[in-house]
Amino acid sequence: RRIAQLSGGERPWAVVRSARPFFAAALARGWA
């Protein structure tokens, strides 16, 4: 749902600093 929100142009949300590389890698897999 969050990745779909980003695709729709919604503002990003906060992610804990230590989890950002993991989350960005997940976003890269789910983002075209």
PDB file of all heavy atoms in Angstrom:
ATOM      1  N   ARG A   1       0.840  -1.205   0.000  1.00  0.00           N
ATOM      2  CA  ARG A   1       0.000   0.000   0.000  1.00  0.00           C
ATOM      3  C   ARG A   1       0.873   1.252   0.000  1.00  0.00           C
ATOM      4  O   ARG A   1       0.613   2.213  -0.726  1.00  0.00           O
ATOM      5  CB  ARG A   1      -0.916  -0.015   1.217  1.00  0.00           C
ATOM      6  CG  ARG A   1      -1.930   1.136   1.220  1.00  0.00           C
ATOM      7  CD  ARG A   1      -2.858   1.042   2.417  1.00  0.00           C
ATOM      8  NE  ARG A   1      -2.188   1.287   3.673  1.00  0.00           N
ATOM      9  CZ  ARG A   1      -1.857   2.502   4.127  1.00  0.00           C
ATOM     10  NH1 ARG A   1      -2.108   3.572   3.410  1.00  0.00           N
ATOM     11  NH2 ARG A   1      -1.266   2.644   5.295  1.00  0.00           N
ATOM     12  N   ARG A   2       1.951   1.245   0.790  1.00  0.00           N
ATOM     13  CA  ARG A   2       2.842   2.410   0.844  1.00  0.00           C
ATOM     14  C   ARG A   2       3.542   2.650  -0.494  1.00  0.00           C
ATOM     15  O   ARG A   2       3.679   3.784  -0.930  1.00  0.00           O
ATOM     16  CB  ARG A   2       3.887   2.220   1.938  1.00  0.00           C
ATOM     17  CG  ARG A   2       3.343   2.183   3.325  1.00  0.00           C
ATOM     18  CD  ARG A   2       2.942   3.545   3.779  1.00  0.00           C
ATOM     19  NE  ARG A   2       2.573   3.511   5.184  1.00  0.00           N
ATOM     20  CZ  ARG A   2       2.689   4.535   5.978  1.00  0.00           C
ATOM     21  NH1 ARG A   2       3.161   5.669   5.534  1.00  0.00           N
ATOM     22  NH2 ARG A   2       2.314   4.446   7.232  1.00  0.00           N
ATOM     23  N   ILE A   3       3.997   1.589  -1.133  1.00  0.00           N
ATOM     24  CA  ILE A   3       4.654   1.733  -2.433  1.00  0.00           C
ATOM     25  C   ILE A   3       3.662   2.252  -3.466  1.00  0.00           C
ATOM     26  O   ILE A   3       3.994   3.106  -4.294  1.00  0.00           O
ATOM     27  CB  ILE A   3       5.313   0.415  -2.859  1.00  0.00           C
ATOM     28  CG1 ILE A   3       6.509   0.116  -1.952  1.00  0.00           C
ATOM     29  CG2 ILE A   3       5.770   0.478  -4.319  1.00  0.00           C
ATOM     30  CD1 ILE A   3       7.165  -1.218  -2.182  1.00  0.00           C
ATOM     31  N   ALA A   4       2.416   1.789  -3.399  1.00  0.00           N
ATOM     32  CA  ALA A   4       1.381   2.293  -4.303  1.00  0.00           C
ATOM     33  C   ALA A   4       1.113   3.775  -4.046  1.00  0.00           C
ATOM     34  O   ALA A   4       0.874   4.536  -4.976  1.00  0.00           O
ATOM     35  CB  ALA A   4       0.101   1.480  -4.147  1.00  0.00           C
ATOM     36  N   GLN A   5       1.173   4.197  -2.791  1.00  0.00           N
ATOM     37  CA  GLN A   5       0.991   5.607  -2.469  1.00  0.00           C
ATOM     38  C   GLN A   5       2.096   6.451  -3.078  1.00  0.00           C
ATOM     39  O   GLN A   5       1.842   7.544  -3.607  1.00  0.00           O
ATOM     40  CB  GLN A   5       0.969   5.818  -0.956  1.00  0.00           C
ATOM     41  CG  GLN A   5      -0.291   5.367  -0.281  1.00  0.00           C
ATOM     42  CD  GLN A   5      -0.210   5.517   1.233  1.00  0.00           C
ATOM     43  OE1 GLN A   5       0.876   5.595   1.804  1.00  0.00           O
ATOM     44  NE2 GLN A   5      -1.368   5.532   1.875  1.00  0.00           N
ATOM     45  N   LEU A   6       3.332   5.963  -3.016  1.00  0.00           N
ATOM     46  CA  LEU A   6       4.445   6.693  -3.631  1.00  0.00           C
ATOM     47  C   LEU A   6       4.251   6.795  -5.129  1.00  0.00           C
ATOM     48  O   LEU A   6       4.527   7.824  -5.733  1.00  0.00           O
ATOM     49  CB  LEU A   6       5.772   6.005  -3.327  1.00  0.00           C
ATOM     50  CG  LEU A   6       6.360   6.212  -1.951  1.00  0.00           C
ATOM     51  CD1 LEU A   6       7.628   5.403  -1.800  1.00  0.00           C
ATOM     52  CD2 LEU A   6       6.629   7.669  -1.689  1.00  0.00           C
ATOM     53  N   SER A   7       3.779   5.723  -5.748  1.00  0.00           N
ATOM     54  CA  SER A   7       3.531   5.739  -7.195  1.00  0.00           C
ATOM     55  C   SER A   7       2.456   6.741  -7.557  1.00  0.00           C
ATOM     56  O   SER A   7       2.478   7.324  -8.630  1.00  0.00           O
ATOM     57  CB  SER A   7       3.118   4.345  -7.678  1.00  0.00           C
ATOM     58  OG  SER A   7       4.135   3.419  -7.440  1.00  0.00           O
ATOM     59  N   GLY A   8       1.515   6.945  -6.634  1.00  0.00           N
ATOM     60  CA  GLY A   8       0.435   7.892  -6.873  1.00  0.00           C
ATOM     61  C   GLY A   8       0.812   9.326  -6.603  1.00  0.00           C
ATOM     62  O   GLY A   8       0.006  10.233  -6.773  1.00  0.00           O
ATOM     63  N   GLY A   9       2.034   9.567  -6.170  1.00  0.00           N
ATOM     64  CA  GLY A   9       2.503  10.937  -5.964  1.00  0.00           C
ATOM     65  C   GLY A   9       2.364  11.442  -4.547  1.00  0.00           C
ATOM     66  O   GLY A   9       2.591  12.621  -4.290  1.00  0.00           O
ATOM     67  N   GLU A  10       2.000  10.583  -3.603  1.00  0.00           N
ATOM     68  CA  GLU A  10       1.900  11.029  -2.221  1.00  0.00           C
ATOM     69  C   GLU A  10       3.278  11.264  -1.627  1.00  0.00           C
ATOM     70  O   GLU A  10       4.266  10.725  -2.095  1.00  0.00           O
ATOM     71  CB  GLU A  10       1.143   9.999  -1.386  1.00  0.00           C
ATOM     72  CG  GLU A  10      -0.334   9.974  -1.692  1.00  0.00           C
ATOM     73  CD  GLU A  10      -1.114   9.189  -0.652  1.00  0.00           C
ATOM     74  OE1 GLU A  10      -0.702   9.185   0.528  1.00  0.00           O
ATOM     75  OE2 GLU A  10      -2.115   8.593  -1.014  1.00  0.00           O
ATOM     76  N   ARG A  11       3.311  12.061  -0.586  1.00  0.00           N
ATOM     77  CA  ARG A  11       4.575  12.368   0.083  1.00  0.00           C
ATOM     78  C   ARG A  11       5.149  11.131   0.736  1.00  0.00           C
ATOM     79  O   ARG A  11       4.425  10.289   1.256  1.00  0.00           O
ATOM     80  CB  ARG A  11       4.342  13.435   1.148  1.00  0.00           C
ATOM     81  CG  ARG A  11       4.047  14.788   0.547  1.00  0.00           C
ATOM     82  CD  ARG A  11       3.969  15.830   1.594  1.00  0.00           C
ATOM     83  NE  ARG A  11       5.208  15.824   2.362  1.00  0.00           N
ATOM     84  CZ  ARG A  11       5.347  16.420   3.533  1.00  0.00           C
ATOM     85  NH1 ARG A  11       4.358  17.051   4.079  1.00  0.00           N
ATOM     86  NH2 ARG A  11       6.489  16.377   4.172  1.00  0.00           N
ATOM     87  N   PRO A  12       6.475  11.003   0.752  1.00  0.00           N
ATOM     88  CA  PRO A  12       7.092   9.860   1.433  1.00  0.00           C
ATOM     89  C   PRO A  12       6.899   9.954   2.940  1.00  0.00           C
ATOM     90  O   PRO A  12       6.523  10.993   3.464  1.00  0.00           O
ATOM     91  CB  PRO A  12       8.555   9.957   1.052  1.00  0.00           C
ATOM     92  CG  PRO A  12       8.748  11.295   0.470  1.00  0.00           C
ATOM     93  CD  PRO A  12       7.421  11.866   0.100  1.00  0.00           C
ATOM     94  N   TRP A  13       7.168   8.895   3.632  1.00  0.00           N
ATOM     95  CA  TRP A  13       7.013   8.829   5.070  1.00  0.00           C
ATOM     96  C   TRP A  13       8.367   8.588   5.705  1.00  0.00           C
ATOM     97  O   TRP A  13       9.320   8.212   5.043  1.00  0.00           O
ATOM     98  CB  TRP A  13       6.017   7.739   5.442  1.00  0.00           C
ATOM     99  CG  TRP A  13       6.407   6.408   4.906  1.00  0.00           C
ATOM    100  CD1 TRP A  13       7.073   5.423   5.560  1.00  0.00           C
ATOM    101  CD2 TRP A  13       6.208   5.935   3.579  1.00  0.00           C
ATOM    102  NE1 TRP A  13       7.296   4.369   4.726  1.00  0.00           N
ATOM    103  CE2 TRP A  13       6.768   4.654   3.505  1.00  0.00           C
ATOM    104  CE3 TRP A  13       5.602   6.453   2.438  1.00  0.00           C
ATOM    105  CZ2 TRP A  13       6.762   3.883   2.350  1.00  0.00           C
ATOM    106  CZ3 TRP A  13       5.587   5.688   1.283  1.00  0.00           C
ATOM    107  CH2 TRP A  13       6.155   4.423   1.252  1.00  0.00           C
ATOM    108  N   ALA A  14       8.427   8.764   7.007  1.00  0.00           N
ATOM    109  CA  ALA A  14       9.696   8.606   7.728  1.00  0.00           C
ATOM    110  C   ALA A  14      10.015   7.130   7.950  1.00  0.00           C
ATOM    111  O   ALA A  14       9.133   6.335   8.231  1.00  0.00           O
ATOM    112  CB  ALA A  14       9.609   9.324   9.067  1.00  0.00           C
ATOM    113  N   VAL A  15      11.290   6.798   7.789  1.00  0.00           N
ATOM    114  CA  VAL A  15      11.785   5.452   8.044  1.00  0.00           C
ATOM    115  C   VAL A  15      12.977   5.584   8.982  1.00  0.00           C
ATOM    116  O   VAL A  15      13.816   6.468   8.805  1.00  0.00           O
ATOM    117  CB  VAL A  15      12.220   4.755   6.728  1.00  0.00           C
ATOM    118  CG1 VAL A  15      12.807   3.394   7.001  1.00  0.00           C
ATOM    119  CG2 VAL A  15      11.061   4.668   5.754  1.00  0.00           C
ATOM    120  N   VAL A  16      13.056   4.719   9.978  1.00  0.00           N
ATOM    121  CA  VAL A  16      14.160   4.737  10.928  1.00  0.00           C
ATOM    122  C   VAL A  16      15.475   4.635  10.160  1.00  0.00           C
ATOM    123  O   VAL A  16      15.601   3.874   9.208  1.00  0.00           O
ATOM    124  CB  VAL A  16      14.025   3.554  11.915  1.00  0.00           C
ATOM    125  CG1 VAL A  16      15.192   3.518  12.887  1.00  0.00           C
ATOM    126  CG2 VAL A  16      12.719   3.653  12.657  1.00  0.00           C
ATOM    127  N   ARG A  17      16.468   5.409  10.578  1.00  0.00           N
ATOM    128  CA  ARG A  17      17.731   5.513   9.834  1.00  0.00           C
ATOM    129  C   ARG A  17      18.391   4.162   9.581  1.00  0.00           C
ATOM    130  O   ARG A  17      18.877   3.888   8.493  1.00  0.00           O
ATOM    131  CB  ARG A  17      18.691   6.432  10.575  1.00  0.00           C
ATOM    132  CG  ARG A  17      19.989   6.627   9.833  1.00  0.00           C
ATOM    133  CD  ARG A  17      20.865   7.634  10.533  1.00  0.00           C
ATOM    134  NE  ARG A  17      22.048   7.851   9.713  1.00  0.00           N
ATOM    135  CZ  ARG A  17      23.271   7.827  10.191  1.00  0.00           C
ATOM    136  NH1 ARG A  17      23.486   7.617  11.461  1.00  0.00           N
ATOM    137  NH2 ARG A  17      24.284   8.034   9.396  1.00  0.00           N
ATOM    138  N   SER A  18      18.430   3.306  10.561  1.00  0.00           N
ATOM    139  CA  SER A  18      19.103   2.013  10.403  1.00  0.00           C
ATOM    140  C   SER A  18      18.379   1.097   9.424  1.00  0.00           C
ATOM    141  O   SER A  18      18.988   0.190   8.869  1.00  0.00           O
ATOM    142  CB  SER A  18      19.254   1.321  11.753  1.00  0.00           C
ATOM    143  OG  SER A  18      17.973   1.109  12.328  1.00  0.00           O
ATOM    144  N   ALA A  19      17.091   1.330   9.178  1.00  0.00           N
ATOM    145  CA  ALA A  19      16.311   0.495   8.263  1.00  0.00           C
ATOM    146  C   ALA A  19      16.254   1.070   6.848  1.00  0.00           C
ATOM    147  O   ALA A  19      15.718   0.425   5.951  1.00  0.00           O
ATOM    148  CB  ALA A  19      14.893   0.315   8.796  1.00  0.00           C
ATOM    149  N   ARG A  20      16.792   2.245   6.636  1.00  0.00           N
ATOM    150  CA  ARG A  20      16.680   2.893   5.325  1.00  0.00           C
ATOM    151  C   ARG A  20      17.338   2.116   4.186  1.00  0.00           C
ATOM    152  O   ARG A  20      16.746   2.019   3.111  1.00  0.00           O
ATOM    153  CB  ARG A  20      17.207   4.317   5.393  1.00  0.00           C
ATOM    154  CG  ARG A  20      16.284   5.212   6.174  1.00  0.00           C
ATOM    155  CD  ARG A  20      16.819   6.607   6.305  1.00  0.00           C
ATOM    156  NE  ARG A  20      15.984   7.344   7.251  1.00  0.00           N
ATOM    157  CZ  ARG A  20      16.364   8.453   7.839  1.00  0.00           C
ATOM    158  NH1 ARG A  20      17.541   8.976   7.581  1.00  0.00           N
ATOM    159  NH2 ARG A  20      15.559   9.050   8.689  1.00  0.00           N
ATOM    160  N   PRO A  21      18.547   1.551   4.333  1.00  0.00           N
ATOM    161  CA  PRO A  21      19.100   0.775   3.216  1.00  0.00           C
ATOM    162  C   PRO A  21      18.231  -0.429   2.854  1.00  0.00           C
ATOM    163  O   PRO A  21      17.999  -0.698   1.675  1.00  0.00           O
ATOM    164  CB  PRO A  21      20.472   0.335   3.718  1.00  0.00           C
ATOM    165  CG  PRO A  21      20.837   1.342   4.748  1.00  0.00           C
ATOM    166  CD  PRO A  21      19.543   1.728   5.392  1.00  0.00           C
ATOM    167  N   PHE A  22      17.723  -1.132   3.857  1.00  0.00           N
ATOM    168  CA  PHE A  22      16.838  -2.269   3.603  1.00  0.00           C
ATOM    169  C   PHE A  22      15.560  -1.814   2.906  1.00  0.00           C
ATOM    170  O   PHE A  22      15.130  -2.400   1.921  1.00  0.00           O
ATOM    171  CB  PHE A  22      16.500  -2.977   4.919  1.00  0.00           C
ATOM    172  CG  PHE A  22      15.451  -4.036   4.777  1.00  0.00           C
ATOM    173  CD1 PHE A  22      15.773  -5.276   4.256  1.00  0.00           C
ATOM    174  CD2 PHE A  22      14.147  -3.787   5.160  1.00  0.00           C
ATOM    175  CE1 PHE A  22      14.807  -6.262   4.118  1.00  0.00           C
ATOM    176  CE2 PHE A  22      13.180  -4.756   5.023  1.00  0.00           C
ATOM    177  CZ  PHE A  22      13.507  -5.997   4.506  1.00  0.00           C
ATOM    178  N   PHE A  23      14.962  -0.744   3.425  1.00  0.00           N
ATOM    179  CA  PHE A  23      13.723  -0.257   2.834  1.00  0.00           C
ATOM    180  C   PHE A  23      13.942   0.259   1.414  1.00  0.00           C
ATOM    181  O   PHE A  23      13.123   0.035   0.533  1.00  0.00           O
ATOM    182  CB  PHE A  23      13.106   0.845   3.701  1.00  0.00           C
ATOM    183  CG  PHE A  23      11.772   1.273   3.213  1.00  0.00           C
ATOM    184  CD1 PHE A  23      10.662   0.502   3.488  1.00  0.00           C
ATOM    185  CD2 PHE A  23      11.625   2.408   2.456  1.00  0.00           C
ATOM    186  CE1 PHE A  23       9.416   0.874   3.021  1.00  0.00           C
ATOM    187  CE2 PHE A  23      10.393   2.794   1.978  1.00  0.00           C
ATOM    188  CZ  PHE A  23       9.277   2.024   2.264  1.00  0.00           C
ATOM    189  N   ALA A  24      15.048   0.929   1.188  1.00  0.00           N
ATOM    190  CA  ALA A  24      15.339   1.425  -0.160  1.00  0.00           C
ATOM    191  C   ALA A  24      15.558   0.272  -1.129  1.00  0.00           C
ATOM    192  O   ALA A  24      15.137   0.333  -2.290  1.00  0.00           O
ATOM    193  CB  ALA A  24      16.564   2.335  -0.137  1.00  0.00           C
ATOM    194  N   ALA A  25      16.205  -0.799  -0.671  1.00  0.00           N
ATOM    195  CA  ALA A  25      16.384  -1.979  -1.517  1.00  0.00           C
ATOM    196  C   ALA A  25      15.037  -2.623  -1.826  1.00  0.00           C
ATOM    197  O   ALA A  25      14.780  -3.057  -2.954  1.00  0.00           O
ATOM    198  CB  ALA A  25      17.312  -2.973  -0.845  1.00  0.00           C
ATOM    199  N   ALA A  26      14.151  -2.679  -0.822  1.00  0.00           N
ATOM    200  CA  ALA A  26      12.804  -3.210  -1.055  1.00  0.00           C
ATOM    201  C   ALA A  26      12.048  -2.322  -2.036  1.00  0.00           C
ATOM    202  O   ALA A  26      11.345  -2.813  -2.926  1.00  0.00           O
ATOM    203  CB  ALA A  26      12.044  -3.322   0.263  1.00  0.00           C
ATOM    204  N   LEU A  27      12.202  -1.032  -1.891  1.00  0.00           N
ATOM    205  CA  LEU A  27      11.553  -0.099  -2.820  1.00  0.00           C
ATOM    206  C   LEU A  27      12.078  -0.293  -4.226  1.00  0.00           C
ATOM    207  O   LEU A  27      11.308  -0.268  -5.198  1.00  0.00           O
ATOM    208  CB  LEU A  27      11.796   1.345  -2.356  1.00  0.00           C
ATOM    209  CG  LEU A  27      11.171   2.439  -3.198  1.00  0.00           C
ATOM    210  CD1 LEU A  27       9.657   2.321  -3.187  1.00  0.00           C
ATOM    211  CD2 LEU A  27      11.593   3.801  -2.696  1.00  0.00           C
ATOM    212  N   ALA A  28      13.370  -0.524  -4.356  1.00  0.00           N
ATOM    213  CA  ALA A  28      13.948  -0.752  -5.685  1.00  0.00           C
ATOM    214  C   ALA A  28      13.361  -1.998  -6.327  1.00  0.00           C
ATOM    215  O   ALA A  28      13.192  -2.053  -7.546  1.00  0.00           O
ATOM    216  CB  ALA A  28      15.469  -0.880  -5.577  1.00  0.00           C
ATOM    217  N   ARG A  29      13.042  -3.012  -5.532  1.00  0.00           N
ATOM    218  CA  ARG A  29      12.444  -4.236  -6.073  1.00  0.00           C
ATOM    219  C   ARG A  29      10.980  -4.033  -6.428  1.00  0.00           C
ATOM    220  O   ARG A  29      10.474  -4.650  -7.350  1.00  0.00           O
ATOM    221  CB  ARG A  29      12.557  -5.371  -5.054  1.00  0.00           C
ATOM    222  CG  ARG A  29      13.940  -5.858  -4.800  1.00  0.00           C
ATOM    223  CD  ARG A  29      14.324  -7.056  -5.654  1.00  0.00           C
ATOM    224  NE  ARG A  29      13.400  -8.151  -5.596  1.00  0.00           N
ATOM    225  CZ  ARG A  29      13.416  -9.138  -4.702  1.00  0.00           C
ATOM    226  NH1 ARG A  29      14.323  -9.146  -3.754  1.00  0.00           N
ATOM    227  NH2 ARG A  29      12.527 -10.101  -4.762  1.00  0.00           N
ATOM    228  N   GLY A  30      10.278  -3.180  -5.684  1.00  0.00           N
ATOM    229  CA  GLY A  30       8.851  -2.980  -5.922  1.00  0.00           C
ATOM    230  C   GLY A  30       8.524  -1.766  -6.768  1.00  0.00           C
ATOM    231  O   GLY A  30       7.363  -1.495  -7.052  1.00  0.00           O
ATOM    232  N   TRP A  31       9.518  -1.039  -7.196  1.00  0.00           N
ATOM    233  CA  TRP A  31       9.344   0.234  -7.919  1.00  0.00           C
ATOM    234  C   TRP A  31       9.831   0.045  -9.345  1.00  0.00           C
ATOM    235  O   TRP A  31      10.904  -0.494  -9.568  1.00  0.00           O
ATOM    236  CB  TRP A  31      10.175   1.288  -7.203  1.00  0.00           C
ATOM    237  CG  TRP A  31      10.111   2.666  -7.738  1.00  0.00           C
ATOM    238  CD1 TRP A  31      10.964   3.226  -8.624  1.00  0.00           C
ATOM    239  CD2 TRP A  31       9.167   3.666  -7.400  1.00  0.00           C
ATOM    240  NE1 TRP A  31      10.610   4.521  -8.845  1.00  0.00           N
ATOM    241  CE2 TRP A  31       9.499   4.820  -8.117  1.00  0.00           C
ATOM    242  CE3 TRP A  31       8.057   3.701  -6.561  1.00  0.00           C
ATOM    243  CZ2 TRP A  31       8.768   5.992  -8.023  1.00  0.00           C
ATOM    244  CZ3 TRP A  31       7.338   4.868  -6.457  1.00  0.00           C
ATOM    245  CH2 TRP A  31       7.695   6.001  -7.184  1.00  0.00           C
ATOM    246  N   ALA A  32       9.075   0.507 -10.293  1.00  0.00           N
ATOM    247  CA  ALA A  32       9.467   0.372 -11.700  1.00  0.00           C
ATOM    248  C   ALA A  32      10.228   1.609 -12.139  1.00  0.00           C
ATOM    249  O   ALA A  32       9.730   2.442 -12.886  1.00  0.00           O
ATOM    250  CB  ALA A  32       8.234   0.165 -12.568  1.00  0.00           C
TER     251      ALA A  32
END
